[in-house]
Protein backbone atom coordinates (compact mmCIF):
# COMPACT_ATOMS: atom_id res chain seq x y z
CA MET A 1 36.25 -16.33 8.92
CA CYS A 2 32.68 -14.92 8.88
CA ASN A 3 31.75 -17.22 11.74
CA PHE A 4 28.87 -15.21 13.18
CA GLU A 5 26.32 -16.26 15.77
CA TYR A 6 22.99 -15.31 14.27
CA MET A 7 21.03 -15.22 17.54
CA SER A 8 21.86 -13.33 20.73
CA LYS A 9 23.61 -15.28 23.47
CA GLU A 10 20.49 -15.09 25.64
CA MET A 11 18.52 -17.24 23.20
CA THR A 12 17.47 -20.65 24.52
CA ASP A 13 15.77 -23.70 23.09
CA LYS A 14 12.65 -22.57 24.94
CA ASP A 15 12.78 -19.19 23.13
CA LEU A 16 13.18 -20.88 19.78
CA LYS A 17 10.27 -23.19 20.50
CA GLU A 18 8.12 -20.21 21.47
CA PHE A 19 9.08 -18.42 18.24
CA GLN A 20 8.21 -21.49 16.19
CA GLU A 21 4.81 -21.78 17.86
CA LEU A 22 4.20 -18.10 17.13
CA LEU A 23 5.12 -18.50 13.47
CA ASP A 24 2.92 -21.59 13.16
CA LYS A 25 0.01 -19.66 14.61
CA PHE A 26 0.70 -16.65 12.38
CA SER A 27 0.73 -18.84 9.27
CA GLU A 28 -2.93 -19.69 9.92
CA TYR A 29 -3.98 -16.10 9.17
CA PRO A 30 -4.69 -15.37 5.50
CA ILE A 31 -2.51 -12.50 4.29
CA GLU A 32 -3.79 -10.77 1.17
CA GLU A 33 -1.78 -8.34 -0.92
CA TYR A 34 -3.38 -4.93 -0.52
CA GLU A 35 -4.78 -3.31 -3.67
CA PRO A 36 -5.79 0.32 -2.97
CA PRO A 37 -8.88 1.66 -4.74
CA PHE A 38 -8.31 4.64 -7.02
CA LEU A 39 -9.82 7.24 -4.68
CA GLU A 40 -7.47 6.13 -1.92
CA LEU A 41 -4.50 6.97 -4.13
CA CYS A 42 -5.48 10.65 -3.85
CA HIS A 43 -4.47 10.56 -0.16
CA TYR A 44 -7.17 12.85 1.15
CA SER A 45 -6.90 13.06 4.92
CA GLY A 46 -9.04 14.01 7.92
CA GLU A 47 -11.83 16.52 7.37
CA ARG A 48 -10.78 16.98 3.77
CA PHE A 49 -11.61 13.31 3.10
CA GLU A 50 -15.02 13.70 4.76
CA GLU A 51 -15.71 16.73 2.57
CA ILE A 52 -14.85 14.76 -0.57
CA CYS A 53 -17.12 11.92 0.57
CA SER A 54 -19.97 14.38 1.16
CA ARG A 55 -19.66 15.60 -2.42
CA ILE A 56 -19.68 12.06 -3.76
CA LEU A 57 -22.68 11.13 -1.62
CA VAL A 58 -24.62 14.18 -2.82
CA PHE A 59 -23.91 13.18 -6.42
CA PHE A 60 -25.35 9.70 -5.86
CA PHE A 61 -28.27 10.90 -3.73
CA GLN A 62 -29.41 13.21 -6.55
CA PRO A 63 -31.71 10.95 -8.64
CA ARG A 64 -31.52 13.14 -11.75
CA ASN A 65 -27.75 12.84 -12.11
CA ARG A 66 -26.41 10.73 -14.94
CA HIS A 67 -25.24 7.85 -12.77
CA GLY A 68 -28.49 6.04 -13.59
CA PHE A 69 -29.12 4.76 -10.03
CA LYS A 70 -32.10 7.12 -9.69
CA TYR A 71 -33.17 7.12 -6.00
CA MET A 72 -31.31 3.93 -5.00
CA TRP A 73 -29.07 5.67 -2.46
CA PHE A 74 -31.95 7.60 -0.92
CA ARG A 75 -33.91 4.38 -0.69
CA ALA A 76 -30.97 2.60 0.95
CA LEU A 77 -30.67 5.41 3.51
CA GLN A 78 -34.38 5.16 4.21
CA MET A 79 -34.06 1.41 4.82
CA ALA A 80 -31.08 1.92 7.14
CA VAL A 81 -32.96 4.55 9.17
CA ASN A 82 -36.11 2.44 9.42
CA ASP A 83 -34.06 -0.35 11.00
CA LYS A 84 -33.23 2.08 13.79
CA VAL A 85 -36.48 3.88 14.64
CA LYS A 86 -39.80 2.93 16.16
CA GLU A 87 -42.72 1.85 13.99
CA ASN A 88 -44.51 5.19 14.33
CA GLU A 89 -41.32 6.98 13.23
CA GLN A 90 -40.78 4.93 10.07
CA TRP A 91 -39.63 6.81 7.00
CA GLU A 92 -42.40 6.46 4.40
CA ASP A 93 -41.91 6.46 0.64
CA SER A 94 -42.31 9.79 -1.09
CA ASP A 95 -41.67 11.47 -4.42
CA VAL A 96 -37.95 12.25 -4.45
CA TYR A 97 -37.39 12.80 -8.16
CA ASN A 98 -37.47 16.59 -7.72
CA MET A 99 -35.03 16.44 -4.83
CA GLU A 100 -32.55 19.27 -4.34
CA THR A 101 -29.17 18.33 -2.85
CA ARG A 102 -26.59 20.58 -1.23
CA THR A 103 -23.35 20.33 0.72
CA GLU A 104 -21.88 22.72 3.29
CA GLU A 105 -25.12 24.64 3.88
CA ARG A 106 -24.45 27.55 6.24
CA THR A 107 -26.56 27.91 9.37
CA THR A 108 -27.58 31.14 11.12
CA ALA A 109 -24.54 30.88 13.40
CA GLY A 110 -22.18 30.35 10.44
CA ASN A 111 -21.74 26.61 10.95
CA ARG A 112 -21.96 24.24 8.00
CA ILE A 113 -24.27 21.27 7.57
CA ASP A 114 -22.53 18.54 5.58
CA LEU A 115 -25.46 17.36 3.42
CA VAL A 116 -29.01 18.55 2.88
CA LEU A 117 -31.52 16.57 0.80
CA GLU A 118 -34.75 18.53 0.16
CA THR A 119 -38.04 17.43 -1.41
CA GLU A 120 -41.50 18.94 -1.35
CA ASN A 121 -42.53 17.11 1.81
CA GLN A 122 -39.28 16.30 3.60
CA VAL A 123 -35.81 17.59 4.33
CA VAL A 124 -32.98 15.29 5.35
CA VAL A 125 -29.94 16.63 7.16
CA ILE A 126 -26.80 14.46 7.29
CA GLU A 127 -23.79 15.05 9.50
CA ASN A 128 -20.95 13.09 7.88
CA LYS A 129 -18.44 11.62 10.34
CA ILE A 130 -16.15 8.93 9.00
CA TRP A 131 -13.80 8.95 11.98
CA ALA A 132 -13.86 12.43 13.51
CA PRO A 133 -15.57 12.91 16.90
CA LEU A 134 -19.07 14.38 16.96
CA TYR A 135 -18.08 17.86 18.16
CA ASN A 136 -20.69 19.72 16.04
CA ASP A 137 -23.45 21.89 17.50
CA LEU A 138 -26.32 19.57 16.57
CA LYS A 139 -28.82 21.68 18.50
CA GLU A 140 -28.00 24.75 16.43
CA TYR A 141 -28.29 22.68 13.24
CA ARG A 142 -31.69 21.35 14.32
CA VAL A 143 -33.06 24.78 15.28
CA TYR A 144 -31.84 26.22 11.97
CA VAL A 145 -33.54 23.46 9.96
CA GLU A 146 -36.79 23.63 11.96
CA THR A 147 -36.89 27.39 11.33
CA THR A 148 -35.69 27.52 7.74
CA TYR A 149 -37.73 24.55 6.53
CA LYS A 150 -40.76 24.96 8.79
CA LYS A 151 -43.13 24.63 5.82
CA ILE A 152 -41.78 21.15 5.06
CA PRO A 153 -43.66 18.67 7.29
CA ASN A 154 -41.06 15.93 7.61
CA GLN A 155 -37.58 16.72 8.90
CA ARG A 156 -34.98 14.00 9.30
CA PHE A 157 -31.64 14.31 11.10
CA ILE A 158 -28.90 11.71 10.56
CA VAL A 159 -25.36 11.18 11.76
CA LEU A 160 -23.62 9.04 9.14
CA THR A 161 -20.47 7.63 10.73
CA GLY A 162 -17.75 5.10 10.14
CA HIS A 163 -17.46 4.17 13.80
CA SER A 164 -19.64 3.65 16.84
CA LEU A 165 -20.24 6.82 18.83
CA SER A 166 -19.32 7.23 22.46
CA VAL A 167 -22.06 7.19 25.10
CA ASP A 168 -21.98 11.00 25.33
CA GLU A 169 -22.11 11.35 21.54
CA GLU A 170 -25.07 8.94 21.35
CA LYS A 171 -26.95 11.01 23.93
CA LYS A 172 -26.10 14.24 22.11
CA ALA A 173 -27.48 12.81 18.87
CA GLU A 174 -30.61 11.43 20.53
CA ASP A 175 -31.34 14.69 22.37
CA ASN A 176 -31.34 16.52 19.05
CA LYS A 177 -33.43 13.98 17.13
CA TYR A 178 -30.50 12.58 15.13
CA VAL A 179 -30.54 8.93 14.07
CA VAL A 180 -27.07 7.35 13.99
CA VAL A 181 -26.37 5.28 10.86
CA LEU A 182 -23.08 3.50 10.27
CA TYR A 183 -21.52 3.60 6.83
CA LYS A 184 -21.51 -0.19 6.94
CA GLU A 185 -25.27 -0.22 7.47
CA LEU A 186 -25.84 2.18 4.57
CA PHE A 187 -23.52 0.24 2.27
CA ASP A 188 -25.18 -3.05 3.23
CA LYS A 189 -28.52 -1.64 2.08
CA VAL A 190 -27.00 -0.30 -1.16
CA GLU A 191 -25.49 -3.70 -1.92
CA LYS A 192 -28.78 -5.40 -1.08
CA ILE A 193 -30.76 -3.48 -3.71
CA LEU A 194 -27.98 -2.79 -6.24
CA GLY A 195 -29.08 -5.73 -8.39
CA GLU A 196 -32.31 -3.90 -9.21
CA TYR A 197 -30.38 -1.03 -10.82
CA VAL A 198 -27.10 -2.44 -12.08
CA SER A 199 -28.26 -3.39 -15.59
CA LYS A 200 -29.62 0.09 -16.37
CA CYS A 201 -27.11 2.29 -14.58
CA ASN A 202 -24.18 4.14 -16.14
CA GLN A 203 -21.41 1.55 -15.93
CA LYS A 204 -18.73 4.22 -15.60
CA TYR A 205 -20.35 5.53 -12.42
CA LEU A 206 -20.90 2.01 -11.15
CA VAL A 207 -17.12 1.58 -11.13
CA HIS A 208 -16.66 4.96 -9.40
CA MET A 209 -19.34 4.15 -6.84
CA LEU A 210 -17.84 0.78 -5.91
CA ASP A 211 -14.41 2.37 -5.68
CA PHE A 212 -15.78 5.04 -3.34
CA MET A 213 -17.46 2.45 -1.14
CA GLN A 214 -14.29 0.35 -0.92
CA THR A 215 -12.22 3.41 -0.03
CA VAL A 216 -14.54 4.27 2.86
CA LYS A 217 -14.57 0.65 4.00
CA ASN A 218 -10.78 0.64 4.04
CA ARG A 219 -10.67 3.86 6.06
CA VAL A 220 -13.16 2.48 8.54
CA ASN A 221 -11.29 -0.83 8.80
CA ILE A 222 -8.10 1.02 9.74
CA MET A 223 -9.83 1.99 12.98
CA ALA A 224 -11.38 -1.43 13.59
CA LYS A 225 -9.42 -4.24 15.18
CA THR A 226 -8.89 -7.16 12.84
CA GLU A 227 -8.16 -10.72 13.88
CA LEU A 228 -4.54 -10.07 12.96
CA ASP A 229 -4.49 -7.01 15.25
CA LYS A 230 -5.75 -9.17 18.10
CA PHE A 231 -3.10 -11.78 17.32
CA PHE A 232 -0.30 -9.21 17.65
CA GLU A 233 -1.79 -7.79 20.83
CA GLU A 234 -2.11 -11.21 22.45
CA ASN A 235 1.45 -12.15 21.46
CA TYR A 236 3.05 -8.72 21.82
CA LYS A 237 5.90 -9.78 24.11
CA VAL A 238 6.97 -12.69 21.90
CA VAL A 239 6.54 -10.67 18.69
CA THR A 240 8.73 -7.88 20.09
CA GLU A 241 11.45 -10.33 21.09
CA LEU A 242 11.25 -12.01 17.68
CA GLU A 243 11.67 -8.62 15.97
CA LYS A 244 14.75 -7.98 18.12
CA GLN A 245 16.30 -11.34 17.22
CA ILE A 246 15.52 -10.90 13.52
CA LYS A 247 17.35 -7.56 13.58
CA ILE A 248 20.37 -9.20 15.26
CA TRP A 249 20.28 -11.98 12.68
CA ARG A 250 20.06 -9.54 9.73
CA ASP A 251 22.78 -7.28 11.14
CA ASN A 252 25.12 -10.25 11.56
CA ARG A 253 24.51 -11.41 8.01
CA TRP A 254 25.02 -7.87 6.70
CA ASN A 255 28.27 -7.51 8.65
CA ALA A 256 29.47 -10.86 7.32
CA ARG A 257 29.00 -9.63 3.75
CA LYS A 258 30.67 -6.29 4.54
CA GLU A 259 33.71 -8.11 5.91
CA ALA A 260 33.81 -10.42 2.90
CA TYR A 261 33.69 -7.48 0.46
CA GLU A 262 36.66 -5.86 2.20
CA VAL A 263 38.63 -9.10 2.05
CA LEU A 264 37.89 -9.47 -1.65
CA ARG A 265 38.67 -5.84 -2.45
CA SER A 266 42.08 -6.13 -0.80
CA ARG A 267 42.94 -9.06 -3.11
CA LEU A 268 41.81 -7.53 -6.39
CA GLY A 269 44.24 -5.71 -8.65
CA GLU A 270 43.21 -4.06 -11.91
CA GLY A 271 39.74 -2.53 -12.08
CA GLY A 272 39.70 0.03 -9.26
CA TRP A 273 37.25 -2.07 -7.28
CA GLN A 274 35.37 -0.30 -4.48
CA VAL A 275 32.83 -1.41 -1.88
CA TYR A 276 29.64 0.45 -2.77
CA ALA A 277 27.23 1.24 0.11
CA ASP A 278 28.24 -2.01 1.84
CA TRP A 279 26.06 -3.67 -0.81
CA CYS A 280 28.39 -4.80 -3.56
CA LEU A 281 31.85 -4.58 -5.08
CA LEU A 282 31.84 -2.14 -7.98
CA SER A 283 34.24 -1.55 -10.84
CA GLN A 284 33.41 1.33 -13.15
CA PHE A 285 35.10 2.88 -16.14
CA ARG A 286 33.85 5.60 -18.41
CA ASP A 287 34.24 5.56 -22.18
CA ASN A 288 31.72 8.22 -23.21
CA TYR A 289 29.18 6.25 -21.17
CA LEU A 290 29.36 4.62 -17.75
CA PHE A 291 29.97 0.86 -17.77
CA GLY A 292 30.90 -1.41 -14.95
CA ILE A 293 30.68 -4.64 -13.05
CA GLU A 294 28.61 -5.16 -9.92
CA ALA A 295 29.63 -8.19 -7.88
CA LEU A 296 27.59 -9.11 -4.83
CA PHE A 297 26.59 -11.81 -2.37
CA GLU A 298 22.96 -12.78 -2.81
CA GLU A 299 20.71 -13.03 0.22
CA GLY A 300 19.06 -16.44 0.27
CA LYS A 301 17.98 -19.32 2.47
CA ASP A 302 21.50 -20.62 3.05
CA PRO A 303 22.64 -20.24 6.68
CA ASP A 304 25.91 -18.84 5.35
CA PRO A 305 25.29 -15.22 4.24
CA ILE A 306 28.11 -15.33 1.67
CA ALA A 307 27.33 -18.73 0.16
CA GLU A 308 26.24 -17.38 -3.25
CA PHE A 309 27.94 -14.71 -5.36
CA HIS A 310 26.70 -12.96 -8.50
CA ILE A 311 28.66 -11.05 -11.14
CA ASN A 312 26.70 -8.60 -13.30
CA ILE A 313 27.83 -6.45 -16.24
CA THR A 314 26.03 -3.14 -15.90
CA MET A 315 25.38 -0.03 -17.98
CA TRP A 316 23.75 2.98 -16.33
CA GLN A 317 21.10 5.49 -17.40
CA ASP A 318 23.38 7.88 -19.29
CA GLY A 319 24.16 5.11 -21.79
CA ARG A 320 20.54 4.18 -22.47
CA ARG A 321 20.85 4.65 -26.23
CA CYS A 322 23.77 2.20 -26.28
CA TRP A 323 22.04 -0.56 -24.32
CA GLY A 324 21.10 -2.45 -27.46
CA LYS A 325 24.63 -2.18 -28.88
CA LEU A 326 26.09 -3.40 -25.59
CA GLU A 327 23.81 -6.43 -25.65
CA ASP A 328 24.74 -7.21 -29.26
CA ALA A 329 28.44 -6.97 -28.42
CA LEU A 330 28.09 -9.28 -25.42
CA ARG A 331 26.12 -11.84 -27.40
CA GLU A 332 28.76 -11.83 -30.15
CA ASP A 333 31.58 -12.64 -27.72
CA GLU A 334 33.02 -16.15 -27.70
CA ASN A 335 32.32 -16.56 -23.99
CA GLU A 336 29.24 -18.80 -23.66
CA GLU A 337 28.21 -17.27 -20.31
CA LEU A 338 28.08 -13.81 -21.90
CA LYS A 339 25.93 -15.15 -24.74
CA ALA A 340 23.48 -16.76 -22.32
CA ALA A 341 23.45 -13.95 -19.72
CA LYS A 342 20.03 -12.96 -18.46
CA LYS A 343 19.17 -9.33 -19.21
CA ILE A 344 17.36 -7.16 -16.62
CA TYR A 345 16.07 -3.56 -16.83
CA ARG A 346 15.49 -1.89 -13.47
CA ASP A 347 16.26 1.25 -11.45
CA GLY A 348 17.54 3.26 -14.40
CA LYS A 349 20.09 0.73 -15.57
CA ILE A 350 20.50 -2.48 -17.54
CA TRP A 351 22.55 -5.41 -16.37
CA PHE A 352 23.44 -8.90 -17.51
CA GLU A 353 23.74 -11.68 -14.95
CA VAL A 354 26.86 -13.32 -16.35
CA CYS A 355 28.03 -15.56 -13.54
CA THR A 356 26.80 -17.20 -10.32
CA ILE A 357 29.30 -18.86 -7.99
CA LYS A 358 28.27 -21.01 -5.03
CA LYS A 359 30.59 -21.83 -2.16
CA GLY A 360 29.37 -25.38 -1.76
CA THR A 361 31.99 -27.50 0.00
CA MET A 362 34.91 -25.16 -0.74
CA ASP A 363 36.84 -23.73 2.20
CA TYR A 364 36.78 -19.92 2.44
CA GLU A 365 40.31 -19.46 1.10
CA SER A 366 39.55 -21.45 -2.06
CA TYR A 367 36.18 -19.77 -2.40
CA PHE A 368 37.65 -16.26 -2.27
CA GLU A 369 40.41 -17.11 -4.71
CA ASN A 370 37.76 -18.42 -7.09
CA LEU A 371 35.70 -15.21 -6.72
CA LYS A 372 38.79 -13.08 -7.34
CA LYS A 373 39.64 -15.07 -10.45
CA GLU A 374 36.13 -14.76 -11.91
CA MET A 375 35.83 -11.04 -11.16
CA GLU A 376 39.13 -10.27 -12.84
CA LYS A 377 38.15 -12.46 -15.80
CA TYR A 378 34.89 -10.60 -16.40
CA TYR A 379 36.53 -7.22 -15.93
CA LYS A 380 38.96 -8.07 -18.76
CA LEU A 381 36.14 -9.46 -20.93
CA LEU A 382 34.10 -6.30 -20.52
CA ARG A 383 37.14 -4.16 -21.23
CA GLU A 384 37.68 -6.07 -24.49
CA VAL A 385 33.98 -5.76 -25.45
CA VAL A 386 34.02 -2.01 -24.84
CA ASP A 387 37.23 -1.56 -26.85
CA LYS A 388 35.62 -3.40 -29.79
CA MET A 389 32.54 -1.18 -29.55
CA LYS A 390 34.78 1.89 -29.66
CA GLU A 391 36.58 0.59 -32.74
CA LYS A 392 33.19 0.17 -34.49
CA GLY A 393 32.11 3.65 -33.46
CA ASP A 394 29.31 2.28 -31.27
CA LEU A 395 30.48 4.42 -28.34
């Protein structure tokens, strides 16, 4: 009974060796549990996300805002640009305290410039591209700025992007006097000089700023190939075959448990036992509130998928106000396993793990008779506990 082959018949020792080598190699990669920053929880997507980032950037670029970083972000941008341009095109320091900042400034043709930073002697135009292609009419933007701000001597044009531009996009930017700055390059400069401001800044906005930066980094990293990405690409054929064999293995174990539940159900008498979602054997009875017993095989490391069996006494959501009374009644029972049962709250129900049975060296016939005996025993115990609760008026 339940004698399943957990790998497909085509599997060979060579395949298994190849899988083991793959797993050994995979274990060398550090896997960290992902903790999303708060802004990422908002699930802004595409252009909407870029718009949100533009608003956040404008807030931090404005030195008079209450974040307390003054002109740190403008200074970081200046440093990032100066790393890119020739010596005679270096961005010199200037008075930026009276800076005006805007987002979505409309051009003559009705297009929108993402960010505009304006001082008495310079205007900075930023096209914000986290991952979208550079489809914008940069020439029209440049002509608009050169016309509208012709009295301002210094005009700077920047593409701020999360990814490297294509050759055509690079040429388009260069032809229209735009300097391409990666988000990583800007953030590196911010982090380099942050220590000069951190003690006097508004700590609330420091948290928000770091969260924003991490969110953008995460978005950018989605597009970048990690070492783990390269690992899967290099081992794609073996990984795909391993996935296939894991599915066969899981399906066989699942089917073994399904078969075992049906065998058990056919042997049980009182209790109206049913196989629930191929996941467990369930006995329910309603006395004002829904009680029951869930009995199931536990997935574990044992090669035999039905080697360990758990019996739980369960009370569902509609009896929440009686959970405490149920626990008291179980603890008062003479059965030591009921008194010591572990209590768990989860998924809108409470249950008590009253019994664990392991197959060990038993043959299947003895094992199933033992399971049947224990299930019927706990059904009767629960029935008695519920009847006592009814007599006390606890139900």
